Amino acid sequence: MQLWLAAKSGGFHFDFDAGKGEWVCKGELLIEVLDRCLCDQCEKSIALKL
């Protein structure tokens, strides 16, 4: 199973790491990529808390 994210900066494909219980794309966590992409999209600082 994968989660896909499309953003201005490109596309990201996240795989679930069951051992860690986290979604990961090329060593980056989903929350980190979402934060970065939201900041880029909105052109302001945004920090997600999950």
PDB file of N, CA and C in Angstrom:
ATOM      1  N   MET A   1       0.848  -1.172   0.000  1.00  0.00           N
ATOM      2  CA  MET A   1       0.000   0.000   0.000  1.00  0.00           C
ATOM      3  C   MET A   1       0.897   1.239   0.000  1.00  0.00           C
ATOM      4  N   GLN A   2       0.458   2.255  -0.722  1.00  0.00           N
ATOM      5  CA  GLN A   2       1.195   3.520  -0.785  1.00  0.00           C
ATOM      6  C   GLN A   2       0.241   4.700  -0.641  1.00  0.00           C
ATOM      7  N   LEU A   3       0.797   5.797  -0.144  1.00  0.00           N
ATOM      8  CA  LEU A   3       0.132   7.102  -0.180  1.00  0.00           C
ATOM      9  C   LEU A   3       0.899   7.943  -1.186  1.00  0.00           C
ATOM     10  N   TRP A   4       0.176   8.645  -2.035  1.00  0.00           N
ATOM     11  CA  TRP A   4       0.810   9.524  -3.012  1.00  0.00           C
ATOM     12  C   TRP A   4       0.442  10.959  -2.699  1.00  0.00           C
ATOM     13  N   LEU A   5       1.399  11.850  -2.864  1.00  0.00           N
ATOM     14  CA  LEU A   5       1.186  13.274  -2.636  1.00  0.00           C
ATOM     15  C   LEU A   5       1.700  14.033  -3.854  1.00  0.00           C
ATOM     16  N   ALA A   6       0.857  14.887  -4.416  1.00  0.00           N
ATOM     17  CA  ALA A   6       1.264  15.748  -5.533  1.00  0.00           C
ATOM     18  C   ALA A   6       1.361  17.177  -5.026  1.00  0.00           C
ATOM     19  N   ALA A   7       2.458  17.849  -5.356  1.00  0.00           N
ATOM     20  CA  ALA A   7       2.688  19.220  -4.904  1.00  0.00           C
ATOM     21  C   ALA A   7       3.437  19.980  -5.991  1.00  0.00           C
ATOM     22  N   LYS A   8       3.567  21.297  -5.800  1.00  0.00           N
ATOM     23  CA  LYS A   8       4.334  22.119  -6.744  1.00  0.00           C
ATOM     24  C   LYS A   8       5.743  21.569  -6.942  1.00  0.00           C
ATOM     25  N   SER A   9       6.311  21.068  -5.866  1.00  0.00           N
ATOM     26  CA  SER A   9       7.699  20.596  -5.900  1.00  0.00           C
ATOM     27  C   SER A   9       7.842  19.201  -6.496  1.00  0.00           C
ATOM     28  N   GLY A  10       6.728  18.530  -6.779  1.00  0.00           N
ATOM     29  CA  GLY A  10       6.806  17.213  -7.402  1.00  0.00           C
ATOM     30  C   GLY A  10       5.870  16.209  -6.770  1.00  0.00           C
ATOM     31  N   GLY A  11       6.073  14.950  -7.109  1.00  0.00           N
ATOM     32  CA  GLY A  11       5.249  13.869  -6.582  1.00  0.00           C
ATOM     33  C   GLY A  11       6.022  13.047  -5.564  1.00  0.00           C
ATOM     34  N   PHE A  12       5.320  12.535  -4.580  1.00  0.00           N
ATOM     35  CA  PHE A  12       5.931  11.755  -3.506  1.00  0.00           C
ATOM     36  C   PHE A  12       5.116  10.480  -3.308  1.00  0.00           C
ATOM     37  N   HIS A  13       5.817   9.348  -3.154  1.00  0.00           N
ATOM     38  CA  HIS A  13       5.172   8.056  -2.931  1.00  0.00           C
ATOM     39  C   HIS A  13       5.641   7.520  -1.587  1.00  0.00           C
ATOM     40  N   PHE A  14       4.725   7.407  -0.650  1.00  0.00           N
ATOM     41  CA  PHE A  14       5.044   6.970   0.709  1.00  0.00           C
ATOM     42  C   PHE A  14       4.673   5.508   0.903  1.00  0.00           C
ATOM     43  N   ASP A  15       5.594   4.745   1.481  1.00  0.00           N
ATOM     44  CA  ASP A  15       5.348   3.362   1.868  1.00  0.00           C
ATOM     45  C   ASP A  15       5.221   3.309   3.378  1.00  0.00           C
ATOM     46  N   PHE A  16       4.361   2.421   3.861  1.00  0.00           N
ATOM     47  CA  PHE A  16       4.178   2.304   5.300  1.00  0.00           C
ATOM     48  C   PHE A  16       5.245   1.389   5.878  1.00  0.00           C
ATOM     49  N   ASP A  17       5.979   1.900   6.869  1.00  0.00           N
ATOM     50  CA  ASP A  17       6.975   1.115   7.604  1.00  0.00           C
ATOM     51  C   ASP A  17       6.286   0.577   8.853  1.00  0.00           C
ATOM     52  N   ALA A  18       5.868  -0.686   8.793  1.00  0.00           N
ATOM     53  CA  ALA A  18       5.100  -1.282   9.895  1.00  0.00           C
ATOM     54  C   ALA A  18       5.908  -1.344  11.192  1.00  0.00           C
ATOM     55  N   GLY A  19       7.213  -1.541  11.071  1.00  0.00           N
ATOM     56  CA  GLY A  19       8.064  -1.603  12.259  1.00  0.00           C
ATOM     57  C   GLY A  19       8.087  -0.295  13.026  1.00  0.00           C
ATOM     58  N   LYS A  20       8.064   0.817  12.304  1.00  0.00           N
ATOM     59  CA  LYS A  20       8.074   2.144  12.930  1.00  0.00           C
ATOM     60  C   LYS A  20       6.681   2.728  13.059  1.00  0.00           C
ATOM     61  N   GLY A  21       5.735   2.171  12.304  1.00  0.00           N
ATOM     62  CA  GLY A  21       4.374   2.705  12.335  1.00  0.00           C
ATOM     63  C   GLY A  21       4.275   4.071  11.666  1.00  0.00           C
ATOM     64  N   GLU A  22       5.112   4.298  10.613  1.00  0.00           N
ATOM     65  CA  GLU A  22       5.160   5.607   9.956  1.00  0.00           C
ATOM     66  C   GLU A  22       5.182   5.455   8.441  1.00  0.00           C
ATOM     67  N   TRP A  23       4.685   6.483   7.747  1.00  0.00           N
ATOM     68  CA  TRP A  23       4.752   6.567   6.291  1.00  0.00           C
ATOM     69  C   TRP A  23       6.049   7.251   5.918  1.00  0.00           C
ATOM     70  N   VAL A  24       6.807   6.646   4.981  1.00  0.00           N
ATOM     71  CA  VAL A  24       8.138   7.130   4.639  1.00  0.00           C
ATOM     72  C   VAL A  24       8.318   7.203   3.116  1.00  0.00           C
ATOM     73  N   CYS A  25       8.956   8.283   2.649  1.00  0.00           N
ATOM     74  CA  CYS A  25       9.313   8.449   1.241  1.00  0.00           C
ATOM     75  C   CYS A  25      10.783   8.861   1.178  1.00  0.00           C
ATOM     76  N   LYS A  26      11.621   7.989   0.656  1.00  0.00           N
ATOM     77  CA  LYS A  26      13.053   8.272   0.509  1.00  0.00           C
ATOM     78  C   LYS A  26      13.673   8.783   1.802  1.00  0.00           C
ATOM     79  N   GLY A  27      13.332   8.160   2.914  1.00  0.00           N
ATOM     80  CA  GLY A  27      13.911   8.507   4.207  1.00  0.00           C
ATOM     81  C   GLY A  27      13.232   9.649   4.939  1.00  0.00           C
ATOM     82  N   GLU A  28      12.249  10.291   4.319  1.00  0.00           N
ATOM     83  CA  GLU A  28      11.532  11.404   4.967  1.00  0.00           C
ATOM     84  C   GLU A  28      10.155  10.942   5.421  1.00  0.00           C
ATOM     85  N   LEU A  29       9.748  11.408   6.584  1.00  0.00           N
ATOM     86  CA  LEU A  29       8.430  11.079   7.117  1.00  0.00           C
ATOM     87  C   LEU A  29       7.344  11.910   6.440  1.00  0.00           C
ATOM     88  N   LEU A  30       6.156  11.350   6.378  1.00  0.00           N
ATOM     89  CA  LEU A  30       5.016  12.024   5.766  1.00  0.00           C
ATOM     90  C   LEU A  30       4.792  13.409   6.362  1.00  0.00           C
ATOM     91  N   ILE A  31       4.816  13.538   7.669  1.00  0.00           N
ATOM     92  CA  ILE A  31       4.547  14.819   8.322  1.00  0.00           C
ATOM     93  C   ILE A  31       5.582  15.867   7.916  1.00  0.00           C
ATOM     94  N   GLU A  32       6.833  15.459   7.755  1.00  0.00           N
ATOM     95  CA  GLU A  32       7.889  16.397   7.350  1.00  0.00           C
ATOM     96  C   GLU A  32       7.650  16.904   5.924  1.00  0.00           C
ATOM     97  N   VAL A  33       7.305  15.990   5.030  1.00  0.00           N
ATOM     98  CA  VAL A  33       7.069  16.371   3.641  1.00  0.00           C
ATOM     99  C   VAL A  33       5.804  17.225   3.540  1.00  0.00           C
ATOM    100  N   LEU A  34       4.758  16.859   4.274  1.00  0.00           N
ATOM    101  CA  LEU A  34       3.526  17.656   4.263  1.00  0.00           C
ATOM    102  C   LEU A  34       3.785  19.075   4.748  1.00  0.00           C
ATOM    103  N   ASP A  35       4.534  19.216   5.829  1.00  0.00           N
ATOM    104  CA  ASP A  35       4.883  20.555   6.338  1.00  0.00           C
ATOM    105  C   ASP A  35       5.581  21.382   5.262  1.00  0.00           C
ATOM    106  N   ARG A  36       6.598  20.790   4.649  1.00  0.00           N
ATOM    107  CA  ARG A  36       7.371  21.495   3.634  1.00  0.00           C
ATOM    108  C   ARG A  36       6.508  21.869   2.425  1.00  0.00           C
ATOM    109  N   CYS A  37       5.711  20.921   1.958  1.00  0.00           N
ATOM    110  CA  CYS A  37       4.867  21.178   0.784  1.00  0.00           C
ATOM    111  C   CYS A  37       3.788  22.218   1.077  1.00  0.00           C
ATOM    112  N   LEU A  38       3.198  22.179   2.255  1.00  0.00           N
ATOM    113  CA  LEU A  38       2.194  23.183   2.622  1.00  0.00           C
ATOM    114  C   LEU A  38       2.806  24.576   2.679  1.00  0.00           C
ATOM    115  N   CYS A  39       3.999  24.676   3.230  1.00  0.00           N
ATOM    116  CA  CYS A  39       4.686  25.977   3.281  1.00  0.00           C
ATOM    117  C   CYS A  39       4.952  26.487   1.871  1.00  0.00           C
ATOM    118  N   ASP A  40       5.398  25.601   0.984  1.00  0.00           N
ATOM    119  CA  ASP A  40       5.655  25.980  -0.409  1.00  0.00           C
ATOM    120  C   ASP A  40       4.374  26.405  -1.109  1.00  0.00           C
ATOM    121  N   GLN A  41       3.306  25.636  -0.928  1.00  0.00           N
ATOM    122  CA  GLN A  41       2.035  25.911  -1.599  1.00  0.00           C
ATOM    123  C   GLN A  41       1.425  27.233  -1.115  1.00  0.00           C
ATOM    124  N   CYS A  42       1.466  27.462   0.195  1.00  0.00           N
ATOM    125  CA  CYS A  42       0.815  28.635   0.786  1.00  0.00           C
ATOM    126  C   CYS A  42       1.731  29.851   0.884  1.00  0.00           C
ATOM    127  N   GLU A  43       3.023  29.623   0.658  1.00  0.00           N
ATOM    128  CA  GLU A  43       4.031  30.678   0.754  1.00  0.00           C
ATOM    129  C   GLU A  43       4.037  31.347   2.125  1.00  0.00           C
ATOM    130  N   LYS A  44       3.845  30.519   3.161  1.00  0.00           N
ATOM    131  CA  LYS A  44       3.981  30.971   4.540  1.00  0.00           C
ATOM    132  C   LYS A  44       4.320  29.786   5.421  1.00  0.00           C
ATOM    133  N   SER A  45       4.758  30.061   6.633  1.00  0.00           N
ATOM    134  CA  SER A  45       5.164  29.006   7.556  1.00  0.00           C
ATOM    135  C   SER A  45       3.933  28.298   8.138  1.00  0.00           C
ATOM    136  N   ILE A  46       3.936  26.982   8.033  1.00  0.00           N
ATOM    137  CA  ILE A  46       2.853  26.158   8.572  1.00  0.00           C
ATOM    138  C   ILE A  46       3.488  24.957   9.257  1.00  0.00           C
ATOM    139  N   ALA A  47       2.992  24.605  10.430  1.00  0.00           N
ATOM    140  CA  ALA A  47       3.496  23.432  11.138  1.00  0.00           C
ATOM    141  C   ALA A  47       2.316  22.551  11.531  1.00  0.00           C
ATOM    142  N   LEU A  48       2.318  21.332  11.024  1.00  0.00           N
ATOM    143  CA  LEU A  48       1.251  20.379  11.360  1.00  0.00           C
ATOM    144  C   LEU A  48       1.569  19.656  12.650  1.00  0.00           C
ATOM    145  N   LYS A  49       0.531  19.318  13.383  1.00  0.00           N
ATOM    146  CA  LYS A  49       0.672  18.506  14.590  1.00  0.00           C
ATOM    147  C   LYS A  49      -0.314  17.357  14.469  1.00  0.00           C
ATOM    148  N   LEU A  50       0.231  16.153  14.465  1.00  0.00           N
ATOM    149  CA  LEU A  50      -0.624  14.965  14.394  1.00  0.00           C
ATOM    150  C   LEU A  50      -0.493  14.136  15.631  1.00  0.00           C
TER     151      LEU A  50
END
